[in-house]
Amino acid sequence: KQQVDAFFCPSHITFDGYLSPSQNLKFSDVPTGVDGIRAIPTAGLLQILFFFALVELAWMPASDYS
């Protein structure tokens, strides 16, 4: 399992600071790989999904491409 996790997110990449200051969650507290998704606060996941929706529906809609 460690080999697969290392493939998706190399452990040598680190970010300073907080992922969520209101929940006192630092980037270094988030595990690497697929398990890191569960550590992201719900509001953060919603922001990511809303951004994807904005890109898909407004900025670069698939209907513009034939």
PDB file of N, CA and C in Angstrom:
ATOM      1  N   LYS A   1       0.820  -1.190   0.000  1.00  0.00           N
ATOM      2  CA  LYS A   1       0.000   0.000   0.000  1.00  0.00           C
ATOM      3  C   LYS A   1       0.865   1.254   0.000  1.00  0.00           C
ATOM      4  N   GLN A   2       1.988   1.238   0.659  1.00  0.00           N
ATOM      5  CA  GLN A   2       2.835   2.423   0.696  1.00  0.00           C
ATOM      6  C   GLN A   2       3.351   2.788  -0.686  1.00  0.00           C
ATOM      7  N   GLN A   3       3.615   1.801  -1.511  1.00  0.00           N
ATOM      8  CA  GLN A   3       4.094   2.095  -2.855  1.00  0.00           C
ATOM      9  C   GLN A   3       3.029   2.803  -3.674  1.00  0.00           C
ATOM     10  N   VAL A   4       1.782   2.408  -3.525  1.00  0.00           N
ATOM     11  CA  VAL A   4       0.701   3.051  -4.253  1.00  0.00           C
ATOM     12  C   VAL A   4       0.508   4.466  -3.742  1.00  0.00           C
ATOM     13  N   ASP A   5       0.508   4.673  -2.424  1.00  0.00           N
ATOM     14  CA  ASP A   5       0.362   6.008  -1.853  1.00  0.00           C
ATOM     15  C   ASP A   5       1.500   6.918  -2.297  1.00  0.00           C
ATOM     16  N   ALA A   6       2.704   6.407  -2.330  1.00  0.00           N
ATOM     17  CA  ALA A   6       3.847   7.213  -2.747  1.00  0.00           C
ATOM     18  C   ALA A   6       3.734   7.599  -4.220  1.00  0.00           C
ATOM     19  N   PHE A   7       3.088   6.772  -5.014  1.00  0.00           N
ATOM     20  CA  PHE A   7       2.897   7.092  -6.426  1.00  0.00           C
ATOM     21  C   PHE A   7       1.954   8.283  -6.590  1.00  0.00           C
ATOM     22  N   PHE A   8       0.877   8.319  -5.815  1.00  0.00           N
ATOM     23  CA  PHE A   8      -0.110   9.379  -5.951  1.00  0.00           C
ATOM     24  C   PHE A   8       0.330  10.679  -5.295  1.00  0.00           C
ATOM     25  N   CYS A   9       1.038  10.607  -4.216  1.00  0.00           N
ATOM     26  CA  CYS A   9       1.454  11.818  -3.506  1.00  0.00           C
ATOM     27  C   CYS A   9       2.805  11.561  -2.853  1.00  0.00           C
ATOM     28  N   PRO A  10       3.883  11.982  -3.503  1.00  0.00           N
ATOM     29  CA  PRO A  10       5.203  11.750  -2.918  1.00  0.00           C
ATOM     30  C   PRO A  10       5.317  12.398  -1.542  1.00  0.00           C
ATOM     31  N   SER A  11       5.906  11.690  -0.610  1.00  0.00           N
ATOM     32  CA  SER A  11       5.961  12.177   0.765  1.00  0.00           C
ATOM     33  C   SER A  11       6.984  13.285   0.965  1.00  0.00           C
ATOM     34  N   HIS A  12       7.813  13.583  -0.032  1.00  0.00           N
ATOM     35  CA  HIS A  12       8.815  14.619   0.141  1.00  0.00           C
ATOM     36  C   HIS A  12       8.286  16.015  -0.135  1.00  0.00           C
ATOM     37  N   ILE A  13       7.043  16.153  -0.607  1.00  0.00           N
ATOM     38  CA  ILE A  13       6.440  17.456  -0.849  1.00  0.00           C
ATOM     39  C   ILE A  13       5.704  17.887   0.407  1.00  0.00           C
ATOM     40  N   THR A  14       6.053  19.059   0.937  1.00  0.00           N
ATOM     41  CA  THR A  14       5.384  19.563   2.138  1.00  0.00           C
ATOM     42  C   THR A  14       4.985  21.020   1.938  1.00  0.00           C
ATOM     43  N   PHE A  15       3.941  21.431   2.606  1.00  0.00           N
ATOM     44  CA  PHE A  15       3.475  22.808   2.600  1.00  0.00           C
ATOM     45  C   PHE A  15       3.498  23.327   4.023  1.00  0.00           C
ATOM     46  N   ASP A  16       3.898  24.570   4.186  1.00  0.00           N
ATOM     47  CA  ASP A  16       3.851  25.201   5.499  1.00  0.00           C
ATOM     48  C   ASP A  16       2.463  25.803   5.717  1.00  0.00           C
ATOM     49  N   GLY A  17       2.109  26.003   6.951  1.00  0.00           N
ATOM     50  CA  GLY A  17       0.871  26.700   7.264  1.00  0.00           C
ATOM     51  C   GLY A  17      -0.292  25.770   7.548  1.00  0.00           C
ATOM     52  N   TYR A  18      -1.477  26.392   7.523  1.00  0.00           N
ATOM     53  CA  TYR A  18      -2.701  25.705   7.905  1.00  0.00           C
ATOM     54  C   TYR A  18      -3.584  25.423   6.700  1.00  0.00           C
ATOM     55  N   LEU A  19      -4.128  24.237   6.663  1.00  0.00           N
ATOM     56  CA  LEU A  19      -5.136  23.879   5.682  1.00  0.00           C
ATOM     57  C   LEU A  19      -6.475  24.485   6.109  1.00  0.00           C
ATOM     58  N   SER A  20      -6.746  24.449   7.403  1.00  0.00           N
ATOM     59  CA  SER A  20      -7.961  25.026   7.971  1.00  0.00           C
ATOM     60  C   SER A  20      -7.616  25.682   9.305  1.00  0.00           C
ATOM     61  N   PRO A  21      -7.380  27.001   9.308  1.00  0.00           N
ATOM     62  CA  PRO A  21      -7.034  27.675  10.567  1.00  0.00           C
ATOM     63  C   PRO A  21      -8.142  27.567  11.624  1.00  0.00           C
ATOM     64  N   SER A  22      -9.410  27.580  11.188  1.00  0.00           N
ATOM     65  CA  SER A  22     -10.506  27.523  12.155  1.00  0.00           C
ATOM     66  C   SER A  22     -10.570  26.180  12.878  1.00  0.00           C
ATOM     67  N   GLN A  23     -10.081  25.115  12.234  1.00  0.00           N
ATOM     68  CA  GLN A  23     -10.071  23.797  12.860  1.00  0.00           C
ATOM     69  C   GLN A  23      -8.680  23.405  13.331  1.00  0.00           C
ATOM     70  N   ASN A  24      -7.743  24.354  13.250  1.00  0.00           N
ATOM     71  CA  ASN A  24      -6.360  24.139  13.694  1.00  0.00           C
ATOM     72  C   ASN A  24      -5.737  22.919  12.997  1.00  0.00           C
ATOM     73  N   LEU A  25      -5.995  22.801  11.689  1.00  0.00           N
ATOM     74  CA  LEU A  25      -5.515  21.674  10.897  1.00  0.00           C
ATOM     75  C   LEU A  25      -4.382  22.154   9.999  1.00  0.00           C
ATOM     76  N   LYS A  26      -3.189  21.639  10.233  1.00  0.00           N
ATOM     77  CA  LYS A  26      -2.030  21.999   9.427  1.00  0.00           C
ATOM     78  C   LYS A  26      -1.901  21.045   8.244  1.00  0.00           C
ATOM     79  N   PHE A  27      -1.217  21.509   7.196  1.00  0.00           N
ATOM     80  CA  PHE A  27      -0.958  20.645   6.052  1.00  0.00           C
ATOM     81  C   PHE A  27      -0.160  19.414   6.482  1.00  0.00           C
ATOM     82  N   SER A  28       0.731  19.600   7.439  1.00  0.00           N
ATOM     83  CA  SER A  28       1.565  18.476   7.886  1.00  0.00           C
ATOM     84  C   SER A  28       0.758  17.423   8.647  1.00  0.00           C
ATOM     85  N   ASP A  29      -0.449  17.756   9.113  1.00  0.00           N
ATOM     86  CA  ASP A  29      -1.305  16.803   9.825  1.00  0.00           C
ATOM     87  C   ASP A  29      -2.067  15.879   8.871  1.00  0.00           C
ATOM     88  N   VAL A  30      -2.117  16.232   7.599  1.00  0.00           N
ATOM     89  CA  VAL A  30      -2.882  15.456   6.625  1.00  0.00           C
ATOM     90  C   VAL A  30      -2.015  14.302   6.127  1.00  0.00           C
ATOM     91  N   PRO A  31      -2.508  13.073   6.214  1.00  0.00           N
ATOM     92  CA  PRO A  31      -1.723  11.936   5.730  1.00  0.00           C
ATOM     93  C   PRO A  31      -1.581  11.970   4.212  1.00  0.00           C
ATOM     94  N   THR A  32      -0.578  11.289   3.710  1.00  0.00           N
ATOM     95  CA  THR A  32      -0.369  11.252   2.275  1.00  0.00           C
ATOM     96  C   THR A  32      -1.251  10.195   1.627  1.00  0.00           C
ATOM     97  N   GLY A  33      -1.412  10.301   0.334  1.00  0.00           N
ATOM     98  CA  GLY A  33      -2.176   9.319  -0.413  1.00  0.00           C
ATOM     99  C   GLY A  33      -3.671   9.515  -0.307  1.00  0.00           C
ATOM    100  N   VAL A  34      -4.377   8.446  -0.556  1.00  0.00           N
ATOM    101  CA  VAL A  34      -5.833   8.480  -0.584  1.00  0.00           C
ATOM    102  C   VAL A  34      -6.414   8.780   0.793  1.00  0.00           C
ATOM    103  N   ASP A  35      -5.746   8.392   1.856  1.00  0.00           N
ATOM    104  CA  ASP A  35      -6.247   8.642   3.215  1.00  0.00           C
ATOM    105  C   ASP A  35      -6.333  10.131   3.529  1.00  0.00           C
ATOM    106  N   GLY A  36      -5.617  10.955   2.801  1.00  0.00           N
ATOM    107  CA  GLY A  36      -5.641  12.390   3.037  1.00  0.00           C
ATOM    108  C   GLY A  36      -6.982  13.030   2.721  1.00  0.00           C
ATOM    109  N   ILE A  37      -7.768  12.428   1.846  1.00  0.00           N
ATOM    110  CA  ILE A  37      -9.089  12.988   1.499  1.00  0.00           C
ATOM    111  C   ILE A  37      -9.988  13.041   2.729  1.00  0.00           C
ATOM    112  N   ARG A  38      -9.905  12.027   3.574  1.00  0.00           N
ATOM    113  CA  ARG A  38     -10.759  11.985   4.777  1.00  0.00           C
ATOM    114  C   ARG A  38     -10.383  13.056   5.792  1.00  0.00           C
ATOM    115  N   ALA A  39      -9.175  13.594   5.708  1.00  0.00           N
ATOM    116  CA  ALA A  39      -8.726  14.606   6.657  1.00  0.00           C
ATOM    117  C   ALA A  39      -9.138  16.015   6.256  1.00  0.00           C
ATOM    118  N   ILE A  40      -9.554  16.201   5.002  1.00  0.00           N
ATOM    119  CA  ILE A  40      -9.958  17.525   4.533  1.00  0.00           C
ATOM    120  C   ILE A  40     -11.341  17.847   5.098  1.00  0.00           C
ATOM    121  N   PRO A  41     -11.514  19.050   5.672  1.00  0.00           N
ATOM    122  CA  PRO A  41     -12.826  19.424   6.203  1.00  0.00           C
ATOM    123  C   PRO A  41     -13.894  19.437   5.097  1.00  0.00           C
ATOM    124  N   THR A  42     -15.126  19.212   5.492  1.00  0.00           N
ATOM    125  CA  THR A  42     -16.234  19.145   4.547  1.00  0.00           C
ATOM    126  C   THR A  42     -16.352  20.421   3.729  1.00  0.00           C
ATOM    127  N   ALA A  43     -16.183  21.575   4.359  1.00  0.00           N
ATOM    128  CA  ALA A  43     -16.277  22.842   3.634  1.00  0.00           C
ATOM    129  C   ALA A  43     -15.203  22.929   2.547  1.00  0.00           C
ATOM    130  N   GLY A  44     -14.033  22.411   2.801  1.00  0.00           N
ATOM    131  CA  GLY A  44     -12.969  22.408   1.808  1.00  0.00           C
ATOM    132  C   GLY A  44     -13.299  21.518   0.631  1.00  0.00           C
ATOM    133  N   LEU A  45     -13.856  20.350   0.904  1.00  0.00           N
ATOM    134  CA  LEU A  45     -14.260  19.453  -0.184  1.00  0.00           C
ATOM    135  C   LEU A  45     -15.371  20.080  -1.028  1.00  0.00           C
ATOM    136  N   LEU A  46     -16.291  20.781  -0.375  1.00  0.00           N
ATOM    137  CA  LEU A  46     -17.363  21.457  -1.111  1.00  0.00           C
ATOM    138  C   LEU A  46     -16.805  22.558  -2.001  1.00  0.00           C
ATOM    139  N   GLN A  47     -15.805  23.298  -1.512  1.00  0.00           N
ATOM    140  CA  GLN A  47     -15.177  24.333  -2.329  1.00  0.00           C
ATOM    141  C   GLN A  47     -14.541  23.724  -3.571  1.00  0.00           C
ATOM    142  N   ILE A  48     -13.897  22.590  -3.419  1.00  0.00           N
ATOM    143  CA  ILE A  48     -13.273  21.919  -4.552  1.00  0.00           C
ATOM    144  C   ILE A  48     -14.340  21.484  -5.559  1.00  0.00           C
ATOM    145  N   LEU A  49     -15.430  20.894  -5.072  1.00  0.00           N
ATOM    146  CA  LEU A  49     -16.497  20.439  -5.964  1.00  0.00           C
ATOM    147  C   LEU A  49     -17.176  21.602  -6.671  1.00  0.00           C
ATOM    148  N   PHE A  50     -17.401  22.723  -5.958  1.00  0.00           N
ATOM    149  CA  PHE A  50     -18.002  23.899  -6.587  1.00  0.00           C
ATOM    150  C   PHE A  50     -17.086  24.478  -7.653  1.00  0.00           C
ATOM    151  N   PHE A  51     -15.780  24.447  -7.415  1.00  0.00           N
ATOM    152  CA  PHE A  51     -14.840  24.926  -8.423  1.00  0.00           C
ATOM    153  C   PHE A  51     -14.901  24.045  -9.672  1.00  0.00           C
ATOM    154  N   PHE A  52     -14.933  22.723  -9.473  1.00  0.00           N
ATOM    155  CA  PHE A  52     -15.056  21.813 -10.612  1.00  0.00           C
ATOM    156  C   PHE A  52     -16.345  22.095 -11.392  1.00  0.00           C
ATOM    157  N   ALA A  53     -17.437  22.326 -10.677  1.00  0.00           N
ATOM    158  CA  ALA A  53     -18.711  22.613 -11.334  1.00  0.00           C
ATOM    159  C   ALA A  53     -18.637  23.922 -12.110  1.00  0.00           C
ATOM    160  N   LEU A  54     -17.999  24.930 -11.547  1.00  0.00           N
ATOM    161  CA  LEU A  54     -17.849  26.213 -12.234  1.00  0.00           C
ATOM    162  C   LEU A  54     -17.064  26.046 -13.530  1.00  0.00           C
ATOM    163  N   VAL A  55     -15.973  25.305 -13.455  1.00  0.00           N
ATOM    164  CA  VAL A  55     -15.153  25.084 -14.645  1.00  0.00           C
ATOM    165  C   VAL A  55     -15.951  24.313 -15.692  1.00  0.00           C
ATOM    166  N   GLU A  56     -16.656  23.281 -15.266  1.00  0.00           N
ATOM    167  CA  GLU A  56     -17.383  22.432 -16.212  1.00  0.00           C
ATOM    168  C   GLU A  56     -18.592  23.143 -16.818  1.00  0.00           C
ATOM    169  N   LEU A  57     -19.319  23.910 -16.036  1.00  0.00           N
ATOM    170  CA  LEU A  57     -20.575  24.487 -16.507  1.00  0.00           C
ATOM    171  C   LEU A  57     -20.426  25.881 -17.107  1.00  0.00           C
ATOM    172  N   ALA A  58     -19.515  26.688 -16.605  1.00  0.00           N
ATOM    173  CA  ALA A  58     -19.449  28.078 -17.036  1.00  0.00           C
ATOM    174  C   ALA A  58     -18.179  28.419 -17.813  1.00  0.00           C
ATOM    175  N   TRP A  59     -17.057  28.027 -17.314  1.00  0.00           N
ATOM    176  CA  TRP A  59     -15.796  28.467 -17.899  1.00  0.00           C
ATOM    177  C   TRP A  59     -15.441  27.674 -19.142  1.00  0.00           C
ATOM    178  N   MET A  60     -15.487  26.362 -19.065  1.00  0.00           N
ATOM    179  CA  MET A  60     -15.142  25.496 -20.189  1.00  0.00           C
ATOM    180  C   MET A  60     -16.185  24.392 -20.362  1.00  0.00           C
ATOM    181  N   PRO A  61     -17.416  24.747 -20.734  1.00  0.00           N
ATOM    182  CA  PRO A  61     -18.463  23.721 -20.841  1.00  0.00           C
ATOM    183  C   PRO A  61     -18.155  22.729 -21.962  1.00  0.00           C
ATOM    184  N   ALA A  62     -18.475  21.482 -21.713  1.00  0.00           N
ATOM    185  CA  ALA A  62     -18.208  20.420 -22.674  1.00  0.00           C
ATOM    186  C   ALA A  62     -19.026  20.611 -23.950  1.00  0.00           C
ATOM    187  N   SER A  63     -20.136  21.326 -23.881  1.00  0.00           N
ATOM    188  CA  SER A  63     -20.971  21.538 -25.067  1.00  0.00           C
ATOM    189  C   SER A  63     -20.277  22.432 -26.094  1.00  0.00           C
ATOM    190  N   ASP A  64     -19.240  23.167 -25.701  1.00  0.00           N
ATOM    191  CA  ASP A  64     -18.502  24.019 -26.632  1.00  0.00           C
ATOM    192  C   ASP A  64     -17.559  23.226 -27.533  1.00  0.00           C
ATOM    193  N   TYR A  65     -17.323  21.980 -27.191  1.00  0.00           N
ATOM    194  CA  TYR A  65     -16.390  21.163 -27.949  1.00  0.00           C
ATOM    195  C   TYR A  65     -17.147  20.105 -28.746  1.00  0.00           C
ATOM    196  N   SER A  66     -16.773  19.966 -29.974  1.00  0.00           N
ATOM    197  CA  SER A  66     -17.468  18.953 -30.788  1.00  0.00           C
ATOM    198  C   SER A  66     -16.503  17.903 -31.280  1.00  0.00           C
TER     199      SER A  66
END
